[in-house]
N, C-alpha and C. Protein backbone atom coordinates (compact mmCIF):
# COMPACT_ATOMS: atom_id res chain seq x y z
N MET A 1 11.67 2.32 19.85
CA MET A 1 11.77 2.83 18.47
C MET A 1 13.18 2.64 18.05
N ASP A 2 14.15 2.25 18.82
CA ASP A 2 15.60 2.09 18.46
C ASP A 2 15.68 0.75 17.61
N GLU A 3 14.82 -0.22 18.14
CA GLU A 3 14.91 -1.50 17.34
C GLU A 3 14.44 -1.31 15.95
N LEU A 4 13.23 -0.52 15.83
CA LEU A 4 12.62 -0.38 14.56
C LEU A 4 13.53 0.44 13.68
N ILE A 5 14.20 1.54 14.22
CA ILE A 5 15.24 2.29 13.43
C ILE A 5 16.36 1.30 12.90
N ALA A 6 16.79 0.39 13.81
CA ALA A 6 17.90 -0.61 13.32
C ALA A 6 17.34 -1.49 12.25
N ASP A 7 16.04 -2.03 12.47
CA ASP A 7 15.54 -2.74 11.39
C ASP A 7 15.38 -2.04 10.08
N LEU A 8 14.75 -0.95 10.12
CA LEU A 8 14.73 -0.01 8.84
C LEU A 8 16.02 0.14 8.13
N LYS A 9 17.14 0.30 8.80
CA LYS A 9 18.40 0.66 8.19
C LYS A 9 18.73 -0.65 7.64
N GLU A 10 18.57 -1.83 8.16
CA GLU A 10 18.93 -3.19 7.60
C GLU A 10 18.15 -3.40 6.31
N GLN A 11 16.77 -3.11 6.32
CA GLN A 11 15.88 -3.33 5.23
C GLN A 11 16.19 -2.48 4.24
N ILE A 12 16.44 -1.04 4.33
CA ILE A 12 16.77 -0.07 3.34
C ILE A 12 18.12 -0.61 2.60
N ALA A 13 19.18 -0.84 3.48
CA ALA A 13 20.39 -1.27 2.95
C ALA A 13 20.36 -2.48 1.91
N GLU A 14 19.51 -3.59 2.38
CA GLU A 14 19.16 -4.71 1.60
C GLU A 14 18.34 -4.38 0.49
N GLN A 15 17.16 -3.90 0.54
CA GLN A 15 16.32 -3.76 -0.40
C GLN A 15 16.69 -2.73 -1.58
N LEU A 16 17.47 -1.71 -1.23
CA LEU A 16 18.00 -0.80 -2.29
C LEU A 16 19.47 -1.18 -2.69
N LYS A 17 19.91 -2.13 -2.08
CA LYS A 17 21.38 -2.73 -2.46
C LYS A 17 22.36 -1.52 -2.51
N ILE A 18 22.27 -0.72 -1.41
CA ILE A 18 23.23 0.52 -1.33
C ILE A 18 24.73 -0.01 -1.20
N LYS A 19 25.53 0.30 -2.28
CA LYS A 19 26.99 -0.28 -1.92
C LYS A 19 27.67 0.75 -1.22
N ASN A 20 28.67 0.04 -0.45
CA ASN A 20 29.64 0.84 0.34
C ASN A 20 29.21 1.54 1.50
N ILE A 21 27.99 1.11 1.83
CA ILE A 21 27.41 1.66 3.12
C ILE A 21 26.70 0.62 3.96
N ARG A 22 27.18 0.59 5.11
CA ARG A 22 26.52 -0.59 6.01
C ARG A 22 25.35 0.06 6.85
N PRO A 23 24.33 -0.72 7.11
CA PRO A 23 23.35 -0.15 7.89
C PRO A 23 23.66 0.63 9.03
N GLU A 24 24.69 0.29 9.91
CA GLU A 24 25.09 0.86 11.00
C GLU A 24 25.87 2.41 10.74
N ASP A 25 26.13 2.62 9.45
CA ASP A 25 26.75 3.90 8.93
C ASP A 25 25.73 4.89 8.77
N ILE A 26 24.37 4.46 8.42
CA ILE A 26 23.30 5.34 8.19
C ILE A 26 22.96 6.09 9.55
N ASP A 27 23.03 7.51 9.52
CA ASP A 27 22.60 8.29 10.57
C ASP A 27 21.15 8.26 10.63
N ASN A 28 20.57 8.25 11.71
CA ASN A 28 19.11 8.25 12.05
C ASN A 28 18.35 9.39 11.37
N ASP A 29 19.09 10.56 11.37
CA ASP A 29 18.37 11.73 10.91
C ASP A 29 19.08 12.25 9.52
N GLU A 30 19.97 11.49 8.98
CA GLU A 30 20.52 11.94 7.77
C GLU A 30 19.34 11.92 6.66
N PRO A 31 19.37 12.88 5.79
CA PRO A 31 18.45 12.83 4.56
C PRO A 31 18.68 11.66 3.73
N LEU A 32 17.49 11.02 3.31
CA LEU A 32 17.63 9.80 2.53
C LEU A 32 17.78 10.20 1.13
N PHE A 33 17.43 11.36 0.68
CA PHE A 33 17.46 11.83 -0.68
C PHE A 33 18.56 12.98 -0.86
N GLY A 34 18.85 13.22 -2.09
CA GLY A 34 19.83 14.45 -2.31
C GLY A 34 21.08 14.29 -1.74
N ALA A 35 21.56 15.24 -1.14
CA ALA A 35 23.13 15.34 -0.38
C ALA A 35 23.28 14.23 0.56
N GLY A 36 22.26 13.75 1.15
CA GLY A 36 22.33 12.82 2.33
C GLY A 36 22.72 11.47 1.72
N LEU A 37 21.87 10.42 1.87
CA LEU A 37 22.19 9.12 1.58
C LEU A 37 22.33 8.82 -0.09
N GLY A 38 21.60 9.91 -0.77
CA GLY A 38 21.71 9.95 -2.20
C GLY A 38 20.61 9.17 -2.96
N LEU A 39 19.74 8.73 -2.28
CA LEU A 39 18.69 7.92 -2.95
C LEU A 39 17.91 8.93 -3.96
N ASP A 40 17.08 8.26 -4.88
CA ASP A 40 16.55 8.94 -6.02
C ASP A 40 14.96 8.43 -6.11
N SER A 41 14.33 9.01 -7.14
CA SER A 41 12.94 8.82 -7.21
C SER A 41 12.63 7.27 -7.26
N LEU A 42 13.52 6.53 -7.97
CA LEU A 42 13.10 5.15 -8.12
C LEU A 42 13.20 4.36 -6.77
N ASP A 43 14.15 4.88 -5.87
CA ASP A 43 14.29 4.46 -4.61
C ASP A 43 13.04 4.66 -3.72
N VAL A 44 12.51 5.64 -3.94
CA VAL A 44 11.37 6.09 -3.15
C VAL A 44 10.16 4.93 -3.51
N LEU A 45 10.14 4.38 -4.66
CA LEU A 45 9.16 3.51 -4.93
C LEU A 45 9.53 2.07 -4.13
N GLU A 46 10.66 1.80 -4.05
CA GLU A 46 11.10 0.79 -3.26
C GLU A 46 10.83 0.94 -1.78
N LEU A 47 10.94 2.17 -1.27
CA LEU A 47 10.51 2.30 0.17
C LEU A 47 9.10 2.21 0.35
N ILE A 48 8.25 2.63 -0.62
CA ILE A 48 6.83 2.58 -0.64
C ILE A 48 6.48 1.05 -0.51
N VAL A 49 6.96 0.25 -1.32
CA VAL A 49 6.76 -1.17 -1.36
C VAL A 49 7.28 -1.85 -0.01
N LEU A 50 8.41 -1.36 0.56
CA LEU A 50 8.78 -1.80 1.81
C LEU A 50 7.83 -1.59 2.84
N LEU A 51 7.27 -0.34 2.97
CA LEU A 51 6.24 0.02 3.97
C LEU A 51 5.18 -0.78 3.64
N LYS A 52 4.62 -1.09 2.47
CA LYS A 52 3.51 -1.85 2.39
C LYS A 52 3.55 -3.32 2.63
N GLN A 53 4.73 -3.96 2.29
CA GLN A 53 4.84 -5.45 2.52
C GLN A 53 5.33 -5.75 4.01
N LYS A 54 6.13 -4.86 4.57
CA LYS A 54 6.72 -5.25 5.73
C LYS A 54 5.83 -4.74 6.91
N TYR A 55 5.13 -3.61 6.75
CA TYR A 55 4.44 -2.74 7.80
C TYR A 55 3.06 -2.69 7.54
N LYS A 56 2.53 -3.28 6.32
CA LYS A 56 1.15 -3.09 5.84
C LYS A 56 0.62 -1.61 6.12
N LEU A 57 1.58 -0.58 5.61
CA LEU A 57 1.24 0.71 5.61
C LEU A 57 1.34 1.32 4.34
N ARG A 58 0.40 2.24 3.94
CA ARG A 58 0.60 3.00 2.72
C ARG A 58 0.52 4.51 3.17
N VAL A 59 1.28 5.33 2.37
CA VAL A 59 1.31 6.73 2.47
C VAL A 59 0.21 7.08 1.45
N THR A 60 -0.89 7.57 1.99
CA THR A 60 -2.09 7.71 1.09
C THR A 60 -2.20 9.05 0.69
N ASN A 61 -1.47 10.10 1.30
CA ASN A 61 -1.52 11.48 0.84
C ASN A 61 -0.21 11.84 0.21
N ALA A 62 -0.24 12.00 -1.05
CA ALA A 62 1.17 12.24 -1.78
C ALA A 62 1.92 13.31 -1.06
N GLU A 63 1.31 14.33 -0.43
CA GLU A 63 2.00 15.41 0.10
C GLU A 63 2.79 15.00 1.41
N ASP A 64 2.29 13.97 1.97
CA ASP A 64 3.10 13.35 3.09
C ASP A 64 4.43 12.62 2.85
N GLY A 65 4.57 12.23 1.59
CA GLY A 65 5.62 11.56 1.29
C GLY A 65 6.99 12.13 1.57
N PRO A 66 7.31 13.36 1.20
CA PRO A 66 8.36 13.97 1.57
C PRO A 66 8.84 14.02 3.06
N LYS A 67 7.79 14.12 3.94
CA LYS A 67 8.07 14.32 5.30
C LYS A 67 8.20 12.67 5.74
N VAL A 68 7.51 11.67 5.25
CA VAL A 68 7.71 10.36 5.78
C VAL A 68 8.98 9.89 5.42
N PHE A 69 9.55 10.11 4.28
CA PHE A 69 10.77 9.52 3.56
C PHE A 69 11.92 10.50 3.78
N ARG A 70 11.83 11.48 4.65
CA ARG A 70 13.05 12.34 4.95
C ARG A 70 14.28 11.62 5.57
N SER A 71 13.92 10.84 6.54
CA SER A 71 15.14 10.17 7.07
C SER A 71 14.57 8.94 7.59
N VAL A 72 15.46 7.94 8.17
CA VAL A 72 15.06 6.85 8.84
C VAL A 72 14.21 7.09 9.99
N ARG A 73 14.54 8.04 10.74
CA ARG A 73 13.70 8.43 12.09
C ARG A 73 12.32 8.91 11.49
N THR A 74 12.07 9.56 10.47
CA THR A 74 10.67 10.08 10.00
C THR A 74 9.91 8.89 9.73
N MET A 75 10.68 7.99 8.98
CA MET A 75 10.03 6.63 8.50
C MET A 75 9.46 5.87 9.82
N ALA A 76 10.48 5.70 10.76
CA ALA A 76 10.07 4.98 12.06
C ALA A 76 8.98 5.72 12.68
N GLU A 77 9.01 7.13 12.77
CA GLU A 77 7.96 7.69 13.50
C GLU A 77 6.47 7.50 12.69
N TYR A 78 6.56 7.54 11.46
CA TYR A 78 5.40 7.20 10.64
C TYR A 78 4.83 5.84 11.00
N ILE A 79 5.65 4.84 10.87
CA ILE A 79 5.35 3.42 11.21
C ILE A 79 4.67 3.50 12.63
N THR A 80 5.40 3.90 13.62
CA THR A 80 4.97 3.88 14.94
C THR A 80 3.53 4.46 15.08
N ALA A 81 3.34 5.58 14.47
CA ALA A 81 2.04 6.44 14.73
C ALA A 81 1.01 5.64 13.88
N ASN A 82 1.14 4.91 12.89
CA ASN A 82 0.18 4.43 11.99
C ASN A 82 -0.10 2.89 11.96
N ARG A 83 0.83 2.23 12.53
CA ARG A 83 0.62 0.72 12.59
C ARG A 83 -0.51 0.22 13.40
N VAL A 84 -1.18 -0.79 13.08
CA VAL A 84 -2.21 -1.18 13.95
C VAL A 84 -1.81 -1.97 15.12
N GLN A 85 -2.20 -1.52 16.28
CA GLN A 85 -1.71 -2.34 17.36
C GLN A 85 -2.56 -3.71 17.64
N THR A 86 -1.92 -4.61 17.82
CA THR A 86 -2.67 -6.02 18.04
C THR A 86 -2.44 -6.45 19.54
N THR A 87 -3.49 -6.63 20.14
CA THR A 87 -3.33 -7.11 21.69
C THR A 87 -3.99 -8.39 21.80
């Protein structure tokens, strides 16, 4: 999961064009919204697109959104729990 978390940090920084923050400066458990990283409602749309394009996943229940997008770690846990395993 460490590799997935590192990849997510890179993708978040790149997709959202976060200034003055390097991916390695984002704490795994730092809140993405509000007082944490400071993302807003438009940024969540970008994260939804990221999940769909990169991981082929959708958050189908709107009530799950705040849990999934709470931090980089919660996003990684959601991806790990819901991606289709190919063997």
